[in-house]
Amino acid sequence: VSKARIGHQQALPEQQDETQQQLDRAHACEQVLDARIAARRRHGKRTDTVRVSLTEPEAAMQRQKRGRGFAPAYTPSVLANEARIIVAHAVDPTSETRVVGELIDQSERVEPKIPRELLLDAG
């Protein structure tokens, strides 16, 4: 954040919009990092491995296959009816369970009948 702030102060007038965006992005990343560290501390987990994407701070950082580093990742979820037709979809940075209510709301627009039973995986 301090590097972005210095860059903004030293920028030419035509560059200030871009440096302001960089500064805003750096602040957003810092807030996400602080929130993730606090959450991990509450759960008694290590905090030295917390990562935040500079381009997509809201995304979870997931280890890539074959040791190719880390990349922003999201968790897609779908809700299908008994005929296996997708009636709702949602994307969340980290959780399949967080979007269940949204999925049910979407499905009610397609099929007004509320499902009596949901089959969910362990995610």
N, C-alpha and C. Protein backbone atom coordinates (compact mmCIF):
# COMPACT_ATOMS: atom_id res chain seq x y z
N VAL A 1 0.83 -1.18 0.00
CA VAL A 1 0.00 0.00 0.00
C VAL A 1 0.87 1.24 0.00
N SER A 2 1.95 1.22 0.78
CA SER A 2 2.80 2.41 0.85
C SER A 2 3.46 2.69 -0.49
N LYS A 3 3.86 1.64 -1.24
CA LYS A 3 4.45 1.86 -2.57
C LYS A 3 3.43 2.48 -3.52
N ALA A 4 2.19 2.02 -3.45
CA ALA A 4 1.13 2.58 -4.30
C ALA A 4 0.88 4.03 -3.93
N ARG A 5 0.90 4.35 -2.64
CA ARG A 5 0.67 5.72 -2.18
C ARG A 5 1.79 6.64 -2.68
N ILE A 6 3.04 6.19 -2.60
CA ILE A 6 4.17 6.99 -3.08
C ILE A 6 4.06 7.20 -4.57
N GLY A 7 3.70 6.13 -5.31
CA GLY A 7 3.53 6.24 -6.76
C GLY A 7 2.46 7.25 -7.12
N HIS A 8 1.38 7.28 -6.36
CA HIS A 8 0.30 8.22 -6.62
C HIS A 8 0.77 9.66 -6.40
N GLN A 9 1.55 9.88 -5.36
CA GLN A 9 2.03 11.22 -5.05
C GLN A 9 3.02 11.72 -6.11
N GLN A 10 3.79 10.81 -6.71
CA GLN A 10 4.81 11.20 -7.68
C GLN A 10 4.30 11.18 -9.12
N ALA A 11 3.08 10.73 -9.34
CA ALA A 11 2.56 10.56 -10.69
C ALA A 11 2.24 11.90 -11.35
N LEU A 12 2.36 11.90 -12.67
CA LEU A 12 1.93 13.05 -13.46
C LEU A 12 0.41 13.09 -13.43
N PRO A 13 -0.17 14.26 -13.68
CA PRO A 13 -1.64 14.36 -13.61
C PRO A 13 -2.37 13.32 -14.46
N GLU A 14 -1.86 13.03 -15.66
CA GLU A 14 -2.54 12.05 -16.52
C GLU A 14 -2.38 10.62 -16.01
N GLN A 15 -1.44 10.39 -15.10
CA GLN A 15 -1.24 9.05 -14.55
C GLN A 15 -1.95 8.87 -13.21
N GLN A 16 -2.47 9.95 -12.65
CA GLN A 16 -3.05 9.86 -11.31
C GLN A 16 -4.28 8.96 -11.25
N ASP A 17 -5.07 8.91 -12.31
CA ASP A 17 -6.23 8.01 -12.30
C ASP A 17 -5.78 6.57 -12.16
N GLU A 18 -4.77 6.20 -12.93
CA GLU A 18 -4.26 4.82 -12.88
C GLU A 18 -3.63 4.52 -11.52
N THR A 19 -2.86 5.45 -11.00
CA THR A 19 -2.23 5.20 -9.70
C THR A 19 -3.27 5.20 -8.58
N GLN A 20 -4.35 5.98 -8.72
CA GLN A 20 -5.42 5.94 -7.73
C GLN A 20 -6.10 4.58 -7.75
N GLN A 21 -6.29 4.01 -8.94
CA GLN A 21 -6.87 2.67 -9.05
C GLN A 21 -5.95 1.64 -8.40
N GLN A 22 -4.65 1.78 -8.61
CA GLN A 22 -3.69 0.86 -7.99
C GLN A 22 -3.74 0.99 -6.47
N LEU A 23 -3.83 2.21 -5.99
CA LEU A 23 -3.91 2.45 -4.55
C LEU A 23 -5.20 1.84 -3.97
N ASP A 24 -6.31 2.03 -4.67
CA ASP A 24 -7.59 1.45 -4.22
C ASP A 24 -7.51 -0.07 -4.20
N ARG A 25 -6.90 -0.65 -5.24
CA ARG A 25 -6.75 -2.11 -5.31
C ARG A 25 -5.86 -2.61 -4.18
N ALA A 26 -4.79 -1.87 -3.88
CA ALA A 26 -3.88 -2.25 -2.79
C ALA A 26 -4.61 -2.20 -1.45
N HIS A 27 -5.45 -1.19 -1.24
CA HIS A 27 -6.24 -1.10 0.00
C HIS A 27 -7.22 -2.27 0.10
N ALA A 28 -7.86 -2.61 -1.01
CA ALA A 28 -8.80 -3.74 -1.01
C ALA A 28 -8.07 -5.04 -0.66
N CYS A 29 -6.89 -5.24 -1.24
CA CYS A 29 -6.11 -6.44 -0.95
C CYS A 29 -5.71 -6.48 0.52
N GLU A 30 -5.32 -5.35 1.06
CA GLU A 30 -4.91 -5.28 2.46
C GLU A 30 -6.08 -5.63 3.38
N GLN A 31 -7.27 -5.12 3.06
CA GLN A 31 -8.45 -5.42 3.88
C GLN A 31 -8.80 -6.90 3.82
N VAL A 32 -8.74 -7.49 2.63
CA VAL A 32 -9.03 -8.92 2.48
C VAL A 32 -8.00 -9.74 3.24
N LEU A 33 -6.74 -9.38 3.12
CA LEU A 33 -5.67 -10.09 3.83
C LEU A 33 -5.90 -10.04 5.34
N ASP A 34 -6.19 -8.86 5.86
CA ASP A 34 -6.44 -8.72 7.30
C ASP A 34 -7.63 -9.57 7.74
N ALA A 35 -8.71 -9.58 6.95
CA ALA A 35 -9.90 -10.36 7.29
C ALA A 35 -9.59 -11.86 7.27
N ARG A 36 -8.84 -12.31 6.28
CA ARG A 36 -8.51 -13.74 6.19
C ARG A 36 -7.59 -14.17 7.33
N ILE A 37 -6.64 -13.32 7.68
CA ILE A 37 -5.75 -13.64 8.81
C ILE A 37 -6.56 -13.72 10.10
N ALA A 38 -7.46 -12.77 10.31
CA ALA A 38 -8.29 -12.78 11.53
C ALA A 38 -9.16 -14.04 11.58
N ALA A 39 -9.73 -14.43 10.45
CA ALA A 39 -10.57 -15.64 10.42
C ALA A 39 -9.75 -16.88 10.73
N ARG A 40 -8.55 -16.97 10.18
CA ARG A 40 -7.71 -18.13 10.45
C ARG A 40 -7.29 -18.17 11.91
N ARG A 41 -7.01 -17.02 12.49
CA ARG A 41 -6.65 -16.98 13.92
C ARG A 41 -7.82 -17.46 14.79
N ARG A 42 -9.03 -17.04 14.44
CA ARG A 42 -10.22 -17.46 15.20
C ARG A 42 -10.37 -18.98 15.18
N HIS A 43 -9.96 -19.60 14.09
CA HIS A 43 -10.09 -21.05 13.96
C HIS A 43 -8.81 -21.79 14.35
N GLY A 44 -7.83 -21.06 14.89
CA GLY A 44 -6.59 -21.68 15.35
C GLY A 44 -5.72 -22.22 14.23
N LYS A 45 -5.80 -21.62 13.05
CA LYS A 45 -5.01 -22.09 11.91
C LYS A 45 -3.81 -21.18 11.67
N ARG A 46 -2.85 -21.70 10.92
CA ARG A 46 -1.66 -20.92 10.57
C ARG A 46 -2.05 -19.70 9.74
N THR A 47 -1.31 -18.61 9.94
CA THR A 47 -1.59 -17.40 9.17
C THR A 47 -0.47 -17.05 8.20
N ASP A 48 0.65 -17.76 8.28
CA ASP A 48 1.78 -17.42 7.42
C ASP A 48 1.60 -17.90 5.98
N THR A 49 0.55 -18.65 5.70
CA THR A 49 0.32 -19.15 4.35
C THR A 49 -0.83 -18.43 3.64
N VAL A 50 -1.38 -17.40 4.26
CA VAL A 50 -2.51 -16.67 3.66
C VAL A 50 -2.02 -15.90 2.44
N ARG A 51 -2.77 -16.03 1.35
CA ARG A 51 -2.42 -15.34 0.10
C ARG A 51 -3.63 -14.57 -0.40
N VAL A 52 -3.36 -13.46 -1.10
CA VAL A 52 -4.42 -12.66 -1.70
C VAL A 52 -3.98 -12.29 -3.11
N SER A 53 -4.87 -12.48 -4.07
CA SER A 53 -4.59 -12.11 -5.45
C SER A 53 -4.63 -10.59 -5.59
N LEU A 54 -3.64 -10.03 -6.25
CA LEU A 54 -3.62 -8.59 -6.47
C LEU A 54 -4.64 -8.17 -7.52
N THR A 55 -4.99 -9.08 -8.43
CA THR A 55 -5.96 -8.75 -9.47
C THR A 55 -7.39 -9.10 -9.09
N GLU A 56 -7.57 -10.10 -8.21
CA GLU A 56 -8.90 -10.53 -7.78
C GLU A 56 -8.88 -10.83 -6.29
N PRO A 57 -8.84 -9.80 -5.45
CA PRO A 57 -8.70 -10.04 -4.01
C PRO A 57 -9.83 -10.86 -3.40
N GLU A 58 -11.02 -10.83 -4.01
CA GLU A 58 -12.14 -11.59 -3.45
C GLU A 58 -12.01 -13.10 -3.69
N ALA A 59 -11.20 -13.50 -4.64
CA ALA A 59 -11.04 -14.92 -4.98
C ALA A 59 -10.16 -15.63 -3.97
N ALA A 60 -10.43 -16.92 -3.80
CA ALA A 60 -9.53 -17.75 -3.00
C ALA A 60 -8.28 -18.03 -3.84
N MET A 61 -7.15 -18.19 -3.19
CA MET A 61 -5.93 -18.55 -3.90
C MET A 61 -5.75 -20.06 -3.76
N GLN A 62 -5.70 -20.74 -4.89
CA GLN A 62 -5.64 -22.20 -4.88
C GLN A 62 -4.33 -22.67 -5.51
N ARG A 63 -3.74 -23.68 -4.88
CA ARG A 63 -2.51 -24.27 -5.40
C ARG A 63 -2.82 -24.94 -6.74
N GLN A 64 -1.97 -24.71 -7.72
CA GLN A 64 -2.15 -25.30 -9.04
C GLN A 64 -1.50 -26.68 -9.11
N LYS A 65 -1.89 -27.45 -10.09
CA LYS A 65 -1.35 -28.79 -10.26
C LYS A 65 0.12 -28.74 -10.62
N ARG A 66 0.81 -29.80 -10.28
CA ARG A 66 2.23 -30.00 -10.60
C ARG A 66 3.12 -28.86 -10.10
N GLY A 67 2.77 -28.27 -8.98
CA GLY A 67 3.62 -27.26 -8.36
C GLY A 67 3.79 -25.99 -9.16
N ARG A 68 2.81 -25.61 -9.92
CA ARG A 68 2.91 -24.42 -10.77
C ARG A 68 2.50 -23.14 -10.06
N GLY A 69 2.55 -23.14 -8.76
CA GLY A 69 2.23 -21.93 -8.01
C GLY A 69 0.78 -21.85 -7.60
N PHE A 70 0.28 -20.62 -7.45
CA PHE A 70 -1.08 -20.36 -6.99
C PHE A 70 -1.79 -19.47 -8.00
N ALA A 71 -3.12 -19.58 -8.02
CA ALA A 71 -3.93 -18.74 -8.92
C ALA A 71 -5.28 -18.47 -8.26
N PRO A 72 -5.92 -17.35 -8.63
CA PRO A 72 -7.25 -17.08 -8.10
C PRO A 72 -8.22 -18.19 -8.53
N ALA A 73 -9.12 -18.57 -7.64
CA ALA A 73 -10.06 -19.65 -7.94
C ALA A 73 -11.42 -19.33 -7.33
N TYR A 74 -12.45 -19.84 -7.96
CA TYR A 74 -13.82 -19.69 -7.48
C TYR A 74 -14.47 -21.06 -7.41
N THR A 75 -15.57 -21.17 -6.66
CA THR A 75 -16.28 -22.43 -6.50
C THR A 75 -17.64 -22.31 -7.18
N PRO A 76 -17.79 -22.97 -8.34
CA PRO A 76 -19.09 -22.95 -9.00
C PRO A 76 -20.03 -23.98 -8.38
N SER A 77 -21.31 -23.67 -8.35
CA SER A 77 -22.32 -24.60 -7.82
C SER A 77 -23.53 -24.57 -8.74
N VAL A 78 -24.17 -25.72 -8.90
CA VAL A 78 -25.39 -25.81 -9.69
C VAL A 78 -26.45 -26.57 -8.91
N LEU A 79 -27.70 -26.33 -9.25
CA LEU A 79 -28.82 -27.07 -8.69
C LEU A 79 -29.60 -27.64 -9.86
N ALA A 80 -29.78 -28.95 -9.85
CA ALA A 80 -30.51 -29.62 -10.92
C ALA A 80 -31.77 -30.24 -10.35
N ASN A 81 -32.79 -30.34 -11.19
CA ASN A 81 -34.04 -30.96 -10.74
C ASN A 81 -33.96 -32.48 -10.91
N GLU A 82 -35.09 -33.16 -10.65
CA GLU A 82 -35.11 -34.62 -10.74
C GLU A 82 -34.81 -35.11 -12.15
N ALA A 83 -35.11 -34.29 -13.16
CA ALA A 83 -34.83 -34.66 -14.55
C ALA A 83 -33.38 -34.33 -14.92
N ARG A 84 -32.60 -33.90 -13.95
CA ARG A 84 -31.19 -33.55 -14.11
C ARG A 84 -30.98 -32.34 -15.02
N ILE A 85 -31.95 -31.45 -15.01
CA ILE A 85 -31.86 -30.19 -15.74
C ILE A 85 -31.42 -29.12 -14.75
N ILE A 86 -30.39 -28.37 -15.11
CA ILE A 86 -29.88 -27.32 -14.23
C ILE A 86 -30.91 -26.20 -14.16
N VAL A 87 -31.36 -25.89 -12.95
CA VAL A 87 -32.37 -24.85 -12.74
C VAL A 87 -31.80 -23.64 -11.99
N ALA A 88 -30.55 -23.73 -11.55
CA ALA A 88 -29.92 -22.60 -10.85
C ALA A 88 -28.41 -22.79 -10.86
N HIS A 89 -27.71 -21.66 -10.79
CA HIS A 89 -26.24 -21.71 -10.72
C HIS A 89 -25.74 -20.51 -9.94
N ALA A 90 -24.57 -20.66 -9.36
CA ALA A 90 -23.96 -19.56 -8.59
C ALA A 90 -22.46 -19.81 -8.48
N VAL A 91 -21.73 -18.75 -8.24
CA VAL A 91 -20.28 -18.83 -8.06
C VAL A 91 -19.93 -18.07 -6.78
N ASP A 92 -19.11 -18.69 -5.95
CA ASP A 92 -18.65 -18.07 -4.71
C ASP A 92 -17.14 -18.24 -4.64
N PRO A 93 -16.44 -17.31 -4.02
CA PRO A 93 -14.99 -17.46 -3.92
C PRO A 93 -14.54 -18.73 -3.20
N THR A 94 -15.29 -19.20 -2.20
CA THR A 94 -14.77 -20.32 -1.42
C THR A 94 -15.77 -21.38 -1.02
N SER A 95 -17.06 -21.12 -1.08
CA SER A 95 -18.00 -22.02 -0.43
C SER A 95 -19.15 -22.46 -1.33
N GLU A 96 -19.40 -23.76 -1.32
CA GLU A 96 -20.58 -24.28 -2.01
C GLU A 96 -21.83 -24.08 -1.14
N THR A 97 -21.67 -24.20 0.16
CA THR A 97 -22.83 -24.12 1.05
C THR A 97 -23.35 -22.69 1.20
N ARG A 98 -22.51 -21.71 1.02
CA ARG A 98 -22.92 -20.31 1.17
C ARG A 98 -23.98 -19.91 0.14
N VAL A 99 -24.02 -20.59 -1.01
CA VAL A 99 -24.92 -20.19 -2.09
C VAL A 99 -26.20 -21.03 -2.16
N VAL A 100 -26.41 -21.94 -1.22
CA VAL A 100 -27.58 -22.82 -1.27
C VAL A 100 -28.88 -22.01 -1.30
N GLY A 101 -29.01 -21.01 -0.46
CA GLY A 101 -30.22 -20.18 -0.45
C GLY A 101 -30.45 -19.50 -1.79
N GLU A 102 -29.39 -18.96 -2.36
CA GLU A 102 -29.48 -18.31 -3.67
C GLU A 102 -29.91 -19.31 -4.74
N LEU A 103 -29.37 -20.52 -4.69
CA LEU A 103 -29.73 -21.56 -5.66
C LEU A 103 -31.22 -21.91 -5.56
N ILE A 104 -31.72 -22.04 -4.35
CA ILE A 104 -33.13 -22.37 -4.16
C ILE A 104 -34.01 -21.22 -4.66
N ASP A 105 -33.63 -19.98 -4.36
CA ASP A 105 -34.40 -18.82 -4.85
C ASP A 105 -34.45 -18.81 -6.38
N GLN A 106 -33.31 -19.06 -7.02
CA GLN A 106 -33.28 -19.10 -8.49
C GLN A 106 -34.17 -20.22 -9.02
N SER A 107 -34.10 -21.38 -8.39
CA SER A 107 -34.86 -22.52 -8.89
C SER A 107 -36.36 -22.28 -8.79
N GLU A 108 -36.79 -21.52 -7.79
CA GLU A 108 -38.22 -21.22 -7.64
C GLU A 108 -38.75 -20.38 -8.79
N ARG A 109 -37.89 -19.61 -9.44
CA ARG A 109 -38.31 -18.84 -10.61
C ARG A 109 -38.54 -19.75 -11.81
N VAL A 110 -37.79 -20.85 -11.87
CA VAL A 110 -37.93 -21.80 -12.98
C VAL A 110 -39.03 -22.81 -12.67
N GLU A 111 -38.99 -23.35 -11.47
CA GLU A 111 -39.98 -24.32 -11.00
C GLU A 111 -40.54 -23.81 -9.67
N PRO A 112 -41.77 -23.33 -9.66
CA PRO A 112 -42.33 -22.76 -8.42
C PRO A 112 -42.39 -23.74 -7.25
N LYS A 113 -42.32 -25.02 -7.53
CA LYS A 113 -42.39 -26.03 -6.47
C LYS A 113 -41.07 -26.06 -5.70
N ILE A 114 -41.13 -25.84 -4.38
CA ILE A 114 -39.93 -25.88 -3.54
C ILE A 114 -39.50 -27.34 -3.38
N PRO A 115 -38.22 -27.62 -3.58
CA PRO A 115 -37.77 -29.01 -3.43
C PRO A 115 -37.95 -29.50 -1.99
N ARG A 116 -38.45 -30.73 -1.84
CA ARG A 116 -38.63 -31.32 -0.52
C ARG A 116 -37.31 -31.87 0.01
N GLU A 117 -36.42 -32.19 -0.91
CA GLU A 117 -35.19 -32.86 -0.52
C GLU A 117 -34.05 -32.36 -1.41
N LEU A 118 -32.88 -32.16 -0.81
CA LEU A 118 -31.69 -31.78 -1.56
C LEU A 118 -30.63 -32.85 -1.35
N LEU A 119 -29.96 -33.21 -2.42
CA LEU A 119 -28.84 -34.13 -2.34
C LEU A 119 -27.58 -33.30 -2.55
N LEU A 120 -26.75 -33.20 -1.53
CA LEU A 120 -25.56 -32.36 -1.57
C LEU A 120 -24.31 -33.21 -1.37
N ASP A 121 -23.21 -32.77 -1.97
CA ASP A 121 -21.96 -33.48 -1.71
C ASP A 121 -21.35 -32.95 -0.42
N ALA A 122 -20.21 -33.46 -0.06
CA ALA A 122 -19.59 -33.10 1.22
C ALA A 122 -18.91 -31.74 1.19
N GLY A 123 -18.91 -31.02 0.07
CA GLY A 123 -18.26 -29.71 -0.04
C GLY A 123 -18.98 -28.71 0.72
